[in-house]
Amino acid sequence: MKIISLNVGRPRLAFWNGQTVSTGIYKTPAGGRVMLRTLNLDGDRQADLNVHGGPDKAAYAYPSEHYAYWREELPGAELPWGMFGENFTTEGLDESGVRVGDRFRVGEAEVTVTQPRMPCHKLAVKFGRADILKRFLASGRTGFYFSVQREGEVGAGDEIELIGRDGNGVTVADILRLYVQGGGDAETVRRAVAVEALPESWREHFRQLLARATT
């Protein structure tokens, strides 16, 4: 498991649906090692801090293996590393194998998986097509966010070493499935609520699902 490409970018203006929007989704490969801090990578920023960024979304990882799928789904589209706005384009990780709460060593840093990425209209801005939002979510190929437990330098080529597994056994794919289906699997929902690394907004959402299921 390793980083294939390390990508950063600052907010820029883009034109979409007759409006000018500010977005930090445009990322390009960094030219060397970069300091990963509690809130983000040096040289990287988010535009709308109400829904992006923060300690639970310090860095976004997207599996390089998914790019082959999207090249078939979107023939003719240019898909350079960082196209999905990810900071880490990874190799050897995917949503079905990574648990929320899993801890990894990446370069000099240590990070914890917190949640899947939920697409917003900025992804549509980047791709220039509104249908990408539903297609992205339906594909299950959303990538996932990290929080940072230990700051440190990271770079392309760094190994990603698993150093701790969350005992609840709830994968990123499980969270996506529960979200899309609106629950349905009470036992997995209960285990999701117990995952300390999962942000409180997600845990409260699942508590409400459990409450509705028992009334």
Protein backbone atom coordinates (compact mmCIF):
# COMPACT_ATOMS: atom_id res chain seq x y z
CA MET A 1 0.00 0.00 0.00
CA LYS A 2 1.37 3.39 -0.92
CA ILE A 3 0.75 6.91 -2.19
CA ILE A 4 0.88 7.09 -5.98
CA SER A 5 0.40 10.85 -6.17
CA LEU A 6 0.25 13.58 -3.51
CA ASN A 7 -2.03 16.40 -4.64
CA VAL A 8 -2.68 19.89 -3.30
CA GLY A 9 -4.44 23.03 -4.45
CA ARG A 10 -5.82 26.33 -3.23
CA PRO A 11 -9.36 27.58 -3.89
CA ARG A 12 -10.04 29.03 -7.30
CA LEU A 13 -13.06 30.46 -9.10
CA ALA A 14 -15.02 28.35 -11.58
CA PHE A 15 -18.15 29.03 -13.64
CA TRP A 16 -21.05 26.62 -13.26
CA ASN A 17 -24.76 26.88 -14.08
CA GLY A 18 -24.52 30.59 -14.67
CA GLN A 19 -22.75 31.29 -11.39
CA THR A 20 -19.18 31.81 -10.27
CA VAL A 21 -18.23 29.48 -7.41
CA SER A 22 -15.12 29.15 -5.30
CA THR A 23 -13.78 25.63 -4.96
CA GLY A 24 -10.70 23.86 -3.70
CA ILE A 25 -11.38 20.69 -5.69
CA TYR A 26 -8.72 21.48 -8.28
CA LYS A 27 -5.63 19.58 -7.09
CA THR A 28 -2.34 18.97 -8.85
CA PRO A 29 0.59 16.73 -7.90
CA ALA A 30 2.95 18.32 -5.39
CA GLY A 31 6.57 18.62 -6.41
CA GLY A 32 8.16 16.96 -3.41
CA ARG A 33 7.42 16.21 0.22
CA VAL A 34 4.69 18.15 2.00
CA MET A 35 3.85 18.63 5.67
CA LEU A 36 0.57 17.00 6.69
CA ARG A 37 -0.96 18.95 9.55
CA THR A 38 -4.04 18.55 11.73
CA LEU A 39 -6.28 20.48 9.34
CA ASN A 40 -4.71 19.92 5.92
CA LEU A 41 -1.56 19.62 3.87
CA ASP A 42 0.68 22.64 3.47
CA GLY A 43 -0.31 24.33 0.23
CA ASP A 44 -3.82 22.88 0.30
CA ARG A 45 -7.01 24.68 1.27
CA GLN A 46 -10.77 24.19 1.16
CA ALA A 47 -13.16 26.87 -0.06
CA ASP A 48 -16.34 26.15 1.94
CA LEU A 49 -15.31 25.26 5.48
CA ASN A 50 -18.93 24.57 6.48
CA VAL A 51 -18.86 21.27 4.60
CA HIS A 52 -15.20 20.71 3.72
CA GLY A 53 -12.04 20.52 5.75
CA GLY A 54 -11.70 20.39 9.53
CA PRO A 55 -9.99 17.79 11.72
CA ASP A 56 -12.20 14.92 10.48
CA LYS A 57 -11.44 15.75 6.83
CA ALA A 58 -7.79 16.75 7.01
CA ALA A 59 -6.85 14.69 3.95
CA TYR A 60 -8.87 12.89 1.29
CA ALA A 61 -7.72 9.59 -0.20
CA TYR A 62 -8.92 8.08 -3.47
CA PRO A 63 -7.84 4.67 -4.77
CA SER A 64 -5.91 4.79 -8.04
CA GLU A 65 -7.58 1.50 -8.98
CA HIS A 66 -10.90 3.32 -9.43
CA TYR A 67 -9.57 5.38 -12.32
CA ALA A 68 -9.86 2.41 -14.70
CA TYR A 69 -13.57 2.18 -13.89
CA TRP A 70 -14.12 5.86 -14.58
CA ARG A 71 -12.19 5.74 -17.85
CA GLU A 72 -14.73 3.17 -19.04
CA GLU A 73 -17.67 5.10 -17.60
CA LEU A 74 -16.52 8.45 -19.01
CA PRO A 75 -14.84 7.71 -22.34
CA GLY A 76 -12.78 10.57 -23.63
CA ALA A 77 -12.61 12.37 -20.27
CA GLU A 78 -9.20 13.50 -19.07
CA LEU A 79 -8.55 11.85 -15.72
CA PRO A 80 -5.17 12.87 -14.30
CA TRP A 81 -4.30 11.98 -10.71
CA GLY A 82 -6.15 14.33 -8.40
CA MET A 83 -9.19 14.57 -10.68
CA PHE A 84 -11.55 13.69 -7.85
CA GLY A 85 -10.04 16.33 -5.58
CA GLU A 86 -8.06 13.80 -3.59
CA ASN A 87 -4.93 14.63 -1.66
CA PHE A 88 -3.67 11.03 -1.68
CA THR A 89 -4.06 8.95 -4.81
CA THR A 90 -3.45 5.54 -3.24
CA GLU A 91 -2.59 1.99 -4.26
CA GLY A 92 -3.74 -1.08 -2.36
CA LEU A 93 -6.63 0.41 -0.39
CA ASP A 94 -10.35 0.31 -1.11
CA GLU A 95 -13.65 1.03 0.59
CA SER A 96 -14.53 -2.62 1.19
CA GLY A 97 -11.27 -3.38 2.98
CA VAL A 98 -10.68 -0.20 4.96
CA ARG A 99 -12.51 0.18 8.25
CA VAL A 100 -13.59 3.47 9.72
CA GLY A 101 -11.26 3.91 12.68
CA ASP A 102 -8.33 2.10 11.06
CA ARG A 103 -5.03 3.81 11.74
CA PHE A 104 -2.17 4.12 9.25
CA ARG A 105 1.39 5.39 9.20
CA VAL A 106 2.08 7.44 6.06
CA GLY A 107 5.56 8.86 5.73
CA GLU A 108 6.24 10.63 9.03
CA ALA A 109 2.53 11.08 9.82
CA GLU A 110 -0.13 8.90 11.43
CA VAL A 111 -3.74 9.12 10.28
CA THR A 112 -7.14 7.57 11.04
CA VAL A 113 -9.96 6.81 8.60
CA THR A 114 -13.04 8.81 9.57
CA GLN A 115 -15.71 8.59 6.86
CA PRO A 116 -16.51 8.18 3.17
CA ARG A 117 -16.62 11.18 0.87
CA MET A 118 -20.12 12.44 0.09
CA PRO A 119 -20.21 14.19 -3.31
CA CYS A 120 -21.32 17.81 -3.56
CA HIS A 121 -21.89 20.12 -6.53
CA LYS A 122 -18.17 20.98 -6.62
CA LEU A 123 -17.56 17.55 -8.16
CA ALA A 124 -20.05 18.45 -10.90
CA VAL A 125 -18.16 21.71 -11.41
CA LYS A 126 -14.89 19.83 -11.81
CA PHE A 127 -16.29 17.32 -14.31
CA GLY A 128 -18.59 19.76 -16.06
CA ARG A 129 -21.56 17.40 -15.73
CA ALA A 130 -24.34 17.19 -13.14
CA ASP A 131 -24.86 13.44 -13.47
CA ILE A 132 -21.48 12.69 -11.92
CA LEU A 133 -22.93 13.17 -8.42
CA LYS A 134 -25.42 10.29 -8.63
CA ARG A 135 -22.97 8.14 -10.58
CA PHE A 136 -20.20 8.74 -8.06
CA LEU A 137 -22.34 7.76 -5.09
CA ALA A 138 -23.95 4.80 -6.84
CA SER A 139 -20.55 3.43 -7.85
CA GLY A 140 -19.46 3.03 -4.23
CA ARG A 141 -16.09 4.39 -5.32
CA THR A 142 -16.09 7.43 -3.07
CA GLY A 143 -12.73 7.26 -1.34
CA PHE A 144 -12.44 8.27 2.31
CA TYR A 145 -11.17 10.95 4.67
CA PHE A 146 -8.38 10.88 7.24
CA SER A 147 -7.92 12.71 10.49
CA VAL A 148 -4.33 13.32 11.59
CA GLN A 149 -3.03 11.90 14.87
CA ARG A 150 0.60 12.78 14.26
CA GLU A 151 1.76 15.49 11.91
CA GLY A 152 4.65 14.83 9.55
CA GLU A 153 5.98 15.04 6.03
CA VAL A 154 4.43 12.85 3.33
CA GLY A 155 5.14 12.40 -0.36
CA ALA A 156 4.45 10.34 -3.44
CA GLY A 157 5.93 6.86 -3.09
CA ASP A 158 5.48 6.71 0.68
CA GLU A 159 4.29 3.39 2.04
CA ILE A 160 0.93 3.31 3.81
CA GLU A 161 1.29 0.97 6.79
CA LEU A 162 -1.68 -0.30 8.78
CA ILE A 163 -0.82 0.12 12.46
CA GLY A 164 -4.22 -0.33 14.11
CA ARG A 165 -7.63 -1.80 13.26
CA ASP A 166 -10.94 -0.65 14.67
CA GLY A 167 -12.59 -3.50 16.53
CA ASN A 168 -16.14 -2.71 15.38
CA GLY A 169 -15.38 -3.99 11.89
CA VAL A 170 -17.35 -1.32 10.02
CA THR A 171 -15.88 -0.63 6.61
CA VAL A 172 -16.19 2.53 4.55
CA ALA A 173 -18.36 0.50 2.17
CA ASP A 174 -20.63 -0.43 5.09
CA ILE A 175 -21.19 3.24 5.92
CA LEU A 176 -22.04 3.99 2.30
CA ARG A 177 -24.44 1.06 2.11
CA LEU A 178 -26.24 2.06 5.30
CA TYR A 179 -26.52 5.63 4.06
CA VAL A 180 -27.87 4.74 0.63
CA GLN A 181 -30.28 2.13 1.97
CA GLY A 182 -31.39 4.21 4.94
CA GLY A 183 -30.31 1.53 7.38
CA GLY A 184 -31.77 -1.92 6.95
CA ASP A 185 -29.04 -3.75 8.84
CA ALA A 186 -29.61 -2.92 12.50
CA GLU A 187 -26.57 -4.82 13.77
CA THR A 188 -24.19 -2.94 11.45
CA VAL A 189 -25.90 0.34 12.32
CA ARG A 190 -25.29 -0.35 16.02
CA ARG A 191 -21.63 -1.11 15.34
CA ALA A 192 -21.33 2.08 13.29
CA VAL A 193 -22.65 4.13 16.21
CA ALA A 194 -19.93 2.59 18.37
CA VAL A 195 -17.07 3.68 16.08
CA GLU A 196 -15.40 6.56 17.93
CA ALA A 197 -13.58 7.80 14.82
CA LEU A 198 -16.85 8.26 12.92
CA PRO A 199 -17.88 11.93 13.21
CA GLU A 200 -20.74 12.70 15.56
CA SER A 201 -23.01 13.86 12.72
CA TRP A 202 -22.81 10.39 11.16
CA ARG A 203 -23.31 8.63 14.48
CA GLU A 204 -26.37 10.74 15.24
CA HIS A 205 -27.78 9.93 11.80
CA PHE A 206 -27.44 6.24 12.55
CA ARG A 207 -28.93 6.64 16.04
CA GLN A 208 -32.00 8.15 14.41
CA LEU A 209 -32.20 5.22 12.01
CA LEU A 210 -32.15 2.83 14.96
CA ALA A 211 -34.78 4.84 16.79
CA ARG A 212 -37.11 4.78 13.78
CA ALA A 213 -36.57 1.05 13.35
CA THR A 214 -37.71 0.35 16.92
CA THR A 215 -40.81 2.55 16.95
